[in-house]
Amino acid sequence: MIDVLFTYQHKAREMESLCLLKHELEKRGYTTAFFCTFDLNRIGKYYKKARAVITSSLYDEASLWFFVYDIAGSSNKVINLQWEQVLSNFDEANPNCFHNPKGPAKYALHLCWGDASRNRIVKGGVPENNAIATGAIHLDFLRPEMKSYFLSKDELAKEFNLNINHTWFLFISSFTMHNMTNEEFEDLVRSYGKEAIEMKQVTVKSKRIILQWLTKMIVEMPNVEFIYRPHPDETKDEDLLDMERVYNNFHIISAYSAKQWILQCEKVMLWYSTAAAEIAFTGKGFAILRPIAIPEEYDISIYRGAKYTQDIDSLREFLQNETVQMPLDHNILDRYYFKDINVPTYIKIADLIEDTLHTSKYDLQMQPHKLIVATQIILKRIKYLVKDVFSKIFIQYIEKMPIFGKTMAYHVSMKERMIRDFPKNFADENEISNIMKRLNKIIS
């Protein structure tokens, strides 16, 4: 029996922080395990094998099944790390927005980066005792004692064939909607409505212009290494690959966390990313590229009052100027990111996990009976196998089939997506071991 099971979605976003918790929990004598939710072999993988489950997100009953019950079976000790806590202004003003936990998911323990996200989910219906502001665990890596954790510029240069003598510029991408499949976009529209439709239009136009800007800068600045870090949800893009083939100082690199590259690059740019907070807390200047205005209601909440770089001349000035540019309002940031200079967030979260394991204080209420969960796991395994066999045999006729056609097409699409996304999001034993070795050198 494992004490704590971490279910995660994106290794680049989550794994370092989860390893911090692993280190602390194992130091206290607990056992841990990781499971990537893109794994096709997910149903019942840890059935009755975990005392507590830590999830990456938890929105409703369906996500409670997806992230907890389907994987680990019935569990009343569920903690939600909430990796998406900074939303659009529109979503934050709507108590019924997709990100606010609903139904039985409300009664898990939800950890909040700051008062802003805590107030939002409590207003949306989460009991006050189930929402605790701990701070943002990923910002623990920006604490002074963690400085030696990160790879040096020399090490990165050797690994990715970057010119150490050049200046390094980083663009953190968040163009996740550009190359979505129709099925993925339909899922998004079901969750976000017209916001998703309008934002996709803005995304496609903005990406095209920003890539044009970057291409011009690449040509004008041959002594600069331009590093393009795609969002974990972004898929293969031929335009980007063409740029990488044509320009030897343009590199698409998804390895390591955003923080790793932020700390080693001289200039940082982004478009619509919450990584802006991480950059701001390093004290490093950056630019928010906005060739097309995003409607205020759909813009990121921490971007309220931000200063945008709206044309290529302003971008050129930013890249050539040594002045530190701080486009965000720190008073707003502080409401979203609680910081404790004395106690790291991972210590606070480990304390809560330990409390959850040994008391009923945070036990999940309103969960289905264990027999129902067990039955559903068996049925889901059978349904998946039947759909899989059926879709392989009748793959040419799926879309034309009455009644079952749409269901089968969705099954095929989701399977393809998980096969596509699993390799880039799964952290193997070597990756986890490397992170743990680096942590072991810093924290006792």
Protein backbone atom coordinates (compact mmCIF):
# COMPACT_ATOMS: atom_id res chain seq x y z
CA MET A 1 0.00 0.00 0.00
CA ILE A 2 1.37 3.42 -1.06
CA ASP A 3 0.78 6.30 1.33
CA VAL A 4 0.55 9.04 -1.31
CA LEU A 5 -0.18 8.73 -5.05
CA PHE A 6 0.48 11.80 -7.19
CA THR A 7 -1.56 11.88 -10.41
CA TYR A 8 -0.10 14.45 -12.79
CA GLN A 9 -0.73 15.79 -16.30
CA HIS A 10 2.37 17.69 -17.45
CA LYS A 11 5.83 16.78 -16.19
CA ALA A 12 7.37 20.12 -17.24
CA ARG A 13 4.80 21.97 -15.17
CA GLU A 14 4.44 19.67 -12.18
CA MET A 15 7.20 17.14 -11.67
CA GLU A 16 9.79 19.31 -9.93
CA SER A 17 7.21 20.44 -7.38
CA LEU A 18 5.95 16.89 -6.85
CA CYS A 19 9.50 15.74 -6.27
CA LEU A 20 9.84 18.39 -3.57
CA LEU A 21 6.83 16.84 -1.84
CA LYS A 22 8.19 13.34 -2.45
CA HIS A 23 11.47 14.31 -0.80
CA GLU A 24 9.77 15.81 2.25
CA LEU A 25 7.21 13.02 2.67
CA GLU A 26 9.77 10.24 2.32
CA LYS A 27 11.97 12.03 4.86
CA ARG A 28 8.99 11.75 7.22
CA GLY A 29 8.69 8.03 6.51
CA TYR A 30 5.89 7.91 3.91
CA THR A 31 5.87 6.10 0.58
CA THR A 32 4.96 7.82 -2.69
CA ALA A 33 4.29 7.05 -6.35
CA PHE A 34 3.59 9.02 -9.55
CA PHE A 35 1.07 8.34 -12.30
CA CYS A 36 0.67 10.30 -15.55
CA THR A 37 -3.01 10.69 -16.43
CA PHE A 38 -2.26 10.39 -20.17
CA ASP A 39 -1.37 6.72 -19.65
CA LEU A 40 -3.71 4.47 -21.67
CA ASN A 41 -3.34 1.79 -19.01
CA ARG A 42 -5.01 4.03 -16.43
CA ILE A 43 -8.19 2.25 -15.36
CA GLY A 44 -7.59 0.56 -12.01
CA LYS A 45 -3.81 0.96 -12.24
CA TYR A 46 -3.51 1.72 -8.51
CA TYR A 47 -6.79 0.19 -7.37
CA LYS A 48 -6.79 -0.08 -3.56
CA LYS A 49 -3.05 0.72 -3.56
CA ALA A 50 -3.01 4.32 -2.27
CA ARG A 51 -4.10 5.82 1.05
CA ALA A 52 -4.29 9.37 -0.36
CA VAL A 53 -4.43 10.78 -3.88
CA ILE A 54 -2.99 14.17 -4.85
CA THR A 55 -4.45 15.48 -8.11
CA SER A 56 -3.41 18.15 -10.59
CA SER A 57 -6.98 19.47 -10.91
CA LEU A 58 -10.50 18.67 -9.76
CA TYR A 59 -13.50 20.42 -11.30
CA ASP A 60 -16.53 18.19 -10.95
CA GLU A 61 -17.73 14.62 -10.45
CA ALA A 62 -16.40 13.58 -13.88
CA SER A 63 -12.89 14.82 -13.07
CA LEU A 64 -13.09 13.17 -9.64
CA TRP A 65 -13.60 9.89 -11.47
CA PHE A 66 -10.95 10.64 -14.09
CA PHE A 67 -8.17 11.74 -11.71
CA VAL A 68 -8.99 9.62 -8.66
CA TYR A 69 -11.52 6.77 -8.78
CA ASP A 70 -10.65 5.42 -12.25
CA ILE A 71 -7.01 5.15 -11.23
CA ALA A 72 -6.98 4.39 -7.50
CA GLY A 73 -10.51 3.26 -6.74
CA SER A 74 -12.54 4.65 -3.86
CA SER A 75 -10.65 7.17 -1.73
CA ASN A 76 -11.81 9.69 0.83
CA LYS A 77 -8.43 11.37 1.12
CA VAL A 78 -8.11 13.59 -1.96
CA ILE A 79 -6.04 16.77 -2.25
CA ASN A 80 -6.22 19.07 -5.27
CA LEU A 81 -3.05 21.03 -6.12
CA GLN A 82 -5.02 23.14 -8.65
CA TRP A 83 -2.37 23.81 -11.28
CA GLU A 84 -4.65 26.31 -13.02
CA GLN A 85 -5.53 29.02 -10.52
CA VAL A 86 -5.06 32.25 -12.45
CA LEU A 87 -8.00 32.53 -14.84
CA SER A 88 -9.49 35.06 -17.23
CA ASN A 89 -11.34 38.06 -15.81
CA PHE A 90 -14.56 36.61 -17.25
CA ASP A 91 -14.12 33.26 -15.47
CA GLU A 92 -13.11 34.83 -12.19
CA ALA A 93 -16.28 36.94 -12.15
CA ASN A 94 -18.47 33.89 -12.79
CA PRO A 95 -19.17 31.72 -9.69
CA ASN A 96 -20.24 28.90 -12.02
CA CYS A 97 -17.09 28.92 -14.15
CA PHE A 98 -15.61 25.57 -15.18
CA HIS A 99 -12.61 25.85 -12.83
CA ASN A 100 -14.65 26.24 -9.64
CA PRO A 101 -15.11 22.75 -8.12
CA LYS A 102 -18.68 21.48 -8.24
CA GLY A 103 -20.70 18.59 -6.86
CA PRO A 104 -18.76 16.09 -4.72
CA ALA A 105 -15.45 17.54 -5.96
CA LYS A 106 -16.12 20.59 -3.75
CA TYR A 107 -15.47 18.48 -0.66
CA ALA A 108 -11.90 17.49 -1.48
CA LEU A 109 -9.09 19.57 0.02
CA HIS A 110 -8.20 22.36 -2.43
CA LEU A 111 -4.83 24.10 -2.05
CA CYS A 112 -4.69 27.73 -3.18
CA TRP A 113 -1.75 29.87 -4.24
CA GLY A 114 -3.22 32.98 -2.64
CA ASP A 115 -6.30 34.73 -1.31
CA ALA A 116 -7.64 35.55 -4.78
CA SER A 117 -8.07 31.92 -5.85
CA ARG A 118 -9.28 30.88 -2.39
CA ASN A 119 -11.96 33.56 -2.35
CA ARG A 120 -13.03 32.59 -5.88
CA ILE A 121 -13.62 28.92 -5.18
CA VAL A 122 -15.26 29.60 -1.81
CA LYS A 123 -17.60 32.04 -3.52
CA GLY A 124 -18.24 29.29 -6.07
CA GLY A 125 -19.40 26.89 -3.35
CA VAL A 126 -16.32 25.19 -1.87
CA PRO A 127 -16.60 25.08 1.96
CA GLU A 128 -14.13 27.45 3.63
CA ASN A 129 -12.47 24.60 5.53
CA ASN A 130 -11.78 22.84 2.22
CA ALA A 131 -9.86 25.76 0.68
CA ILE A 132 -6.47 26.59 2.19
CA ALA A 133 -4.05 29.25 0.96
CA THR A 134 -0.59 27.66 1.15
CA GLY A 135 1.26 29.69 -1.47
CA ALA A 136 2.41 28.43 -4.88
CA ILE A 137 4.71 25.42 -4.56
CA HIS A 138 6.41 26.06 -7.90
CA LEU A 139 7.63 29.41 -6.56
CA ASP A 140 9.59 27.57 -3.86
CA PHE A 141 12.22 27.05 -6.55
CA LEU A 142 12.80 30.80 -6.63
CA ARG A 143 13.75 30.92 -2.97
CA PRO A 144 17.43 31.85 -2.38
CA GLU A 145 18.32 28.41 -1.01
CA MET A 146 17.19 26.77 -4.27
CA LYS A 147 19.49 28.76 -6.55
CA SER A 148 21.97 25.92 -7.06
CA TYR A 149 19.20 23.50 -8.10
CA PHE A 150 19.09 24.79 -11.68
CA LEU A 151 21.41 23.89 -14.53
CA SER A 152 23.98 26.50 -15.49
CA LYS A 153 24.06 28.28 -18.82
CA ASP A 154 27.12 26.20 -19.76
CA GLU A 155 25.26 22.96 -19.06
CA LEU A 156 22.24 24.03 -21.10
CA ALA A 157 24.47 25.19 -23.95
CA LYS A 158 26.15 21.78 -24.17
CA GLU A 159 22.89 19.84 -23.94
CA PHE A 160 21.03 21.85 -26.61
CA ASN A 161 23.90 23.04 -28.81
CA LEU A 162 23.40 26.71 -27.91
CA ASN A 163 26.13 29.30 -28.35
CA ILE A 164 27.31 30.22 -24.86
CA ASN A 165 28.82 33.46 -26.16
CA HIS A 166 25.51 34.69 -27.57
CA THR A 167 22.77 36.51 -25.69
CA TRP A 168 19.79 34.26 -25.00
CA PHE A 169 16.20 35.40 -25.55
CA LEU A 170 13.26 33.27 -24.43
CA PHE A 171 9.69 33.20 -25.74
CA ILE A 172 7.24 31.28 -23.55
CA SER A 173 4.40 30.15 -25.76
CA SER A 174 0.79 29.47 -24.81
CA PHE A 175 -0.75 28.92 -28.25
CA THR A 176 -2.52 25.76 -27.14
CA MET A 177 -5.65 26.33 -29.23
CA HIS A 178 -3.96 26.76 -32.59
CA ASN A 179 -3.56 23.14 -33.69
CA MET A 180 -6.26 21.47 -31.62
CA THR A 181 -8.24 18.64 -33.18
CA ASN A 182 -11.94 19.26 -33.72
CA GLU A 183 -12.78 16.94 -30.83
CA GLU A 184 -10.41 18.75 -28.46
CA PHE A 185 -11.85 22.11 -29.40
CA GLU A 186 -15.42 20.84 -28.97
CA ASP A 187 -14.49 19.73 -25.44
CA LEU A 188 -13.12 23.19 -24.75
CA VAL A 189 -16.28 24.90 -26.06
CA ARG A 190 -18.40 22.68 -23.83
CA SER A 191 -16.39 23.90 -20.83
CA TYR A 192 -15.88 27.57 -21.71
CA GLY A 193 -18.56 28.46 -24.27
CA LYS A 194 -18.09 31.56 -26.43
CA GLU A 195 -14.86 32.45 -24.62
CA ALA A 196 -13.14 29.47 -26.28
CA ILE A 197 -14.48 30.38 -29.74
CA GLU A 198 -13.36 34.01 -29.56
CA MET A 199 -10.01 33.17 -27.98
CA LYS A 200 -9.18 30.65 -30.71
CA GLN A 201 -9.61 33.38 -33.33
CA VAL A 202 -7.35 35.71 -31.35
CA THR A 203 -4.83 32.90 -30.80
CA VAL A 204 -4.42 32.06 -34.49
CA LYS A 205 -4.01 35.71 -35.52
CA SER A 206 -1.67 36.58 -32.66
CA LYS A 207 0.57 33.58 -33.24
CA ARG A 208 0.96 34.39 -36.93
CA ILE A 209 2.02 37.98 -36.21
CA ILE A 210 4.30 37.11 -33.29
CA LEU A 211 6.13 34.52 -35.38
CA GLN A 212 6.60 37.19 -38.05
CA TRP A 213 8.06 39.52 -35.41
CA LEU A 214 10.38 36.84 -34.07
CA THR A 215 11.54 35.93 -37.56
CA LYS A 216 12.56 39.54 -38.22
CA MET A 217 14.38 39.74 -34.89
CA ILE A 218 16.17 36.46 -35.58
CA VAL A 219 17.50 37.88 -38.85
CA GLU A 220 18.40 41.26 -37.35
CA MET A 221 20.14 39.73 -34.32
CA PRO A 222 22.39 36.86 -35.51
CA ASN A 223 24.33 36.93 -32.22
CA VAL A 224 21.24 36.04 -30.21
CA GLU A 225 19.93 32.55 -29.45
CA PHE A 226 16.13 32.62 -29.65
CA ILE A 227 14.58 29.86 -27.56
CA TYR A 228 10.93 29.03 -28.16
CA ARG A 229 9.40 27.08 -25.27
CA PRO A 230 6.07 25.53 -26.31
CA HIS A 231 3.27 25.01 -23.81
CA PRO A 232 2.97 21.34 -22.75
CA ASP A 233 -0.42 21.17 -24.49
CA GLU A 234 0.89 22.47 -27.83
CA THR A 235 1.22 20.01 -30.68
CA LYS A 236 3.59 19.74 -33.64
CA ASP A 237 3.68 22.92 -35.73
CA GLU A 238 5.23 22.88 -39.22
CA ASP A 239 5.70 26.68 -39.30
CA LEU A 240 7.83 26.50 -36.17
CA LEU A 241 9.77 23.52 -37.45
CA ASP A 242 10.47 25.39 -40.69
CA MET A 243 11.84 28.33 -38.70
CA GLU A 244 14.11 25.98 -36.76
CA ARG A 245 15.38 24.43 -40.00
CA VAL A 246 16.04 27.79 -41.67
CA TYR A 247 17.56 29.75 -38.77
CA ASN A 248 20.36 28.16 -36.78
CA ASN A 249 19.82 30.59 -33.89
CA PHE A 250 16.16 29.60 -33.37
CA HIS A 251 15.49 26.61 -31.13
CA ILE A 252 12.28 24.87 -30.07
CA ILE A 253 12.96 23.42 -26.62
CA SER A 254 10.31 21.90 -24.37
CA ALA A 255 12.66 20.24 -21.88
CA TYR A 256 12.82 21.48 -18.29
CA SER A 257 10.55 23.90 -16.50
CA ALA A 258 9.91 27.46 -17.59
CA LYS A 259 11.84 28.64 -14.50
CA GLN A 260 15.00 26.90 -15.72
CA TRP A 261 15.01 28.95 -18.92
CA ILE A 262 13.76 32.17 -17.32
CA LEU A 263 16.74 32.20 -14.98
CA GLN A 264 19.36 31.64 -17.71
CA CYS A 265 17.99 33.88 -20.48
CA GLU A 266 18.73 37.59 -20.64
CA LYS A 267 15.34 38.60 -22.08
CA VAL A 268 11.96 36.91 -21.75
CA MET A 269 8.81 37.34 -23.84
CA LEU A 270 5.36 35.82 -23.63
CA TRP A 271 1.85 36.35 -24.93
CA TYR A 272 -0.81 34.91 -22.60
CA SER A 273 0.96 32.89 -19.95
CA THR A 274 0.75 32.78 -16.16
CA ALA A 275 4.53 32.18 -16.23
CA ALA A 276 4.59 35.98 -16.10
CA ALA A 277 4.32 35.62 -12.32
CA GLU A 278 7.43 33.43 -12.17
CA ILE A 279 9.37 35.95 -14.25
CA ALA A 280 8.16 38.86 -12.12
CA PHE A 281 9.22 37.15 -8.88
CA THR A 282 12.74 36.63 -10.23
CA GLY A 283 12.99 40.41 -10.59
CA LYS A 284 13.82 39.96 -14.27
CA GLY A 285 12.26 42.23 -16.87
CA PHE A 286 10.05 40.84 -19.60
CA ALA A 287 7.65 41.81 -22.36
CA ILE A 288 4.04 40.77 -22.97
CA LEU A 289 3.59 40.67 -26.74
CA ARG A 290 0.14 41.78 -27.86
CA PRO A 291 -0.11 42.47 -31.60
CA ILE A 292 -3.88 42.02 -31.28
CA ALA A 293 -5.78 43.25 -28.24
CA ILE A 294 -7.47 40.56 -26.18
CA PRO A 295 -10.90 41.56 -24.87
CA GLU A 296 -10.45 42.55 -21.21
CA GLU A 297 -12.99 39.99 -20.02
CA TYR A 298 -10.90 37.17 -21.55
CA ASP A 299 -7.49 38.45 -20.52
CA ILE A 300 -5.56 36.87 -17.66
CA SER A 301 -6.55 38.30 -14.29
CA ILE A 302 -2.97 39.07 -13.18
CA TYR A 303 -2.55 41.11 -16.38
CA ARG A 304 -4.95 43.81 -15.19
CA GLY A 305 -3.26 47.17 -15.71
CA ALA A 306 -0.32 45.52 -17.52
CA LYS A 307 1.83 47.31 -20.08
CA TYR A 308 1.87 45.53 -23.43
CA THR A 309 4.33 45.47 -26.32
CA GLN A 310 1.98 46.06 -29.25
CA ASP A 311 4.22 46.49 -32.30
CA ILE A 312 7.52 45.27 -33.66
CA ASP A 313 9.31 48.56 -33.07
CA SER A 314 8.48 48.36 -29.35
CA LEU A 315 9.68 44.76 -29.31
CA ARG A 316 12.94 45.72 -30.99
CA GLU A 317 13.44 48.50 -28.42
CA PHE A 318 12.81 46.05 -25.56
CA LEU A 319 15.30 43.52 -26.92
CA GLN A 320 17.99 46.11 -27.56
CA ASN A 321 17.49 48.12 -24.37
CA GLU A 322 19.19 47.07 -21.13
CA THR A 323 16.52 48.72 -18.96
CA VAL A 324 14.51 46.24 -16.86
CA GLN A 325 10.88 46.30 -17.97
CA MET A 326 8.28 45.24 -15.37
CA PRO A 327 4.87 45.18 -17.09
CA LEU A 328 2.76 43.72 -14.24
CA ASP A 329 1.27 45.34 -11.13
CA HIS A 330 2.86 43.66 -8.09
CA ASN A 331 -0.05 44.67 -5.86
CA ILE A 332 -2.29 42.45 -8.01
CA LEU A 333 0.28 39.65 -8.10
CA ASP A 334 0.47 39.55 -4.30
CA ARG A 335 -3.26 38.80 -4.08
CA TYR A 336 -2.80 35.73 -6.28
CA TYR A 337 0.51 34.49 -4.89
CA PHE A 338 0.90 34.32 -1.12
CA LYS A 339 4.55 34.29 -0.08
CA ASP A 340 5.94 33.22 3.29
CA ILE A 341 9.61 34.15 3.60
CA ASN A 342 10.05 31.79 6.56
CA VAL A 343 8.29 28.54 5.63
CA PRO A 344 8.40 27.07 2.09
CA THR A 345 5.07 26.07 0.57
CA TYR A 346 6.11 22.43 0.13
CA ILE A 347 6.53 22.12 3.91
CA LYS A 348 3.01 23.47 4.47
CA ILE A 349 1.55 21.09 1.89
CA ALA A 350 3.42 18.12 3.38
CA ASP A 351 1.96 19.04 6.77
CA LEU A 352 -1.54 19.03 5.27
CA ILE A 353 -0.95 15.69 3.55
CA GLU A 354 0.24 14.22 6.83
CA ASP A 355 -2.81 15.66 8.61
CA THR A 356 -5.04 14.15 5.92
CA LEU A 357 -3.46 10.72 6.32
CA HIS A 358 -3.83 10.59 10.10
CA THR A 359 -7.15 12.35 10.72
CA SER A 360 -10.61 12.59 9.17
CA LYS A 361 -10.44 16.38 9.18
CA TYR A 362 -10.23 16.67 5.38
CA ASP A 363 -11.95 13.45 4.36
CA LEU A 364 -13.95 13.69 1.15
CA GLN A 365 -17.70 13.74 1.66
CA MET A 366 -20.43 12.60 -0.75
CA GLN A 367 -18.38 9.89 -2.43
CA PRO A 368 -19.97 6.85 -4.13
CA HIS A 369 -20.04 3.51 -2.36
CA LYS A 370 -16.87 1.43 -2.76
CA LEU A 371 -18.85 -1.32 -4.50
CA ILE A 372 -20.12 1.17 -7.10
CA VAL A 373 -16.58 2.38 -7.78
CA ALA A 374 -15.28 -1.18 -8.12
CA THR A 375 -18.12 -2.09 -10.49
CA GLN A 376 -17.56 1.00 -12.62
CA ILE A 377 -13.86 0.24 -12.95
CA ILE A 378 -14.64 -3.26 -14.25
CA LEU A 379 -17.30 -1.92 -16.64
CA LYS A 380 -14.99 0.80 -17.94
CA ARG A 381 -12.28 -1.73 -18.67
CA ILE A 382 -14.74 -3.88 -20.59
CA LYS A 383 -16.23 -0.90 -22.47
CA TYR A 384 -12.78 0.32 -23.45
CA LEU A 385 -11.73 -3.08 -24.79
CA VAL A 386 -14.99 -3.48 -26.73
CA LYS A 387 -14.73 0.02 -28.24
CA ASP A 388 -11.09 -0.56 -29.10
CA VAL A 389 -11.76 -3.84 -30.92
CA PHE A 390 -14.87 -2.44 -32.60
CA SER A 391 -13.09 0.71 -33.80
CA LYS A 392 -10.19 -1.28 -35.29
CA ILE A 393 -12.48 -3.59 -37.20
CA PHE A 394 -14.87 -0.93 -38.49
CA ILE A 395 -12.51 2.07 -38.62
CA GLN A 396 -13.45 2.93 -42.23
CA TYR A 397 -17.14 3.14 -41.38
CA ILE A 398 -17.12 4.78 -37.94
CA GLU A 399 -18.29 8.24 -38.99
CA LYS A 400 -21.14 6.83 -41.06
CA MET A 401 -22.51 4.61 -38.30
CA PRO A 402 -25.87 5.67 -36.88
CA ILE A 403 -26.14 6.03 -33.07
CA PHE A 404 -22.65 4.65 -32.25
CA GLY A 405 -20.67 6.60 -34.84
CA LYS A 406 -20.08 9.71 -32.74
CA THR A 407 -19.22 7.69 -29.63
CA MET A 408 -16.71 5.57 -31.52
CA ALA A 409 -15.16 8.58 -33.25
CA TYR A 410 -14.69 10.24 -29.85
CA HIS A 411 -13.07 7.07 -28.48
CA VAL A 412 -10.61 6.96 -31.39
CA SER A 413 -9.83 10.68 -31.05
CA MET A 414 -9.20 10.48 -27.29
CA LYS A 415 -7.00 7.41 -27.69
CA GLU A 416 -4.95 9.15 -30.39
CA ARG A 417 -4.60 12.21 -28.19
CA MET A 418 -3.37 10.20 -25.21
CA ILE A 419 -0.90 8.27 -27.38
CA ARG A 420 0.30 11.58 -28.84
CA ASP A 421 0.61 13.41 -25.51
CA PHE A 422 1.86 10.65 -23.21
CA PRO A 423 5.55 10.65 -24.28
CA LYS A 424 6.03 14.39 -23.74
CA ASN A 425 4.20 14.42 -20.40
CA PHE A 426 5.41 11.20 -18.80
CA ALA A 427 8.37 11.42 -16.42
CA ASP A 428 10.41 8.22 -16.45
CA GLU A 429 12.49 6.90 -13.56
CA ASN A 430 15.68 8.53 -14.84
CA GLU A 431 14.08 11.96 -15.01
CA ILE A 432 12.63 11.63 -11.53
CA SER A 433 15.93 10.30 -10.18
CA ASN A 434 17.84 13.25 -11.66
CA ILE A 435 15.48 15.75 -10.05
CA MET A 436 15.73 13.97 -6.71
CA LYS A 437 19.55 13.93 -6.84
CA ARG A 438 19.64 17.67 -7.45
CA LEU A 439 17.19 18.26 -4.60
CA ASN A 440 19.12 16.00 -2.24
CA LYS A 441 22.18 18.22 -2.64
CA ILE A 442 20.22 21.28 -1.49
CA ILE A 443 17.64 20.28 1.09
CA SER A 444 18.24 17.96 4.00
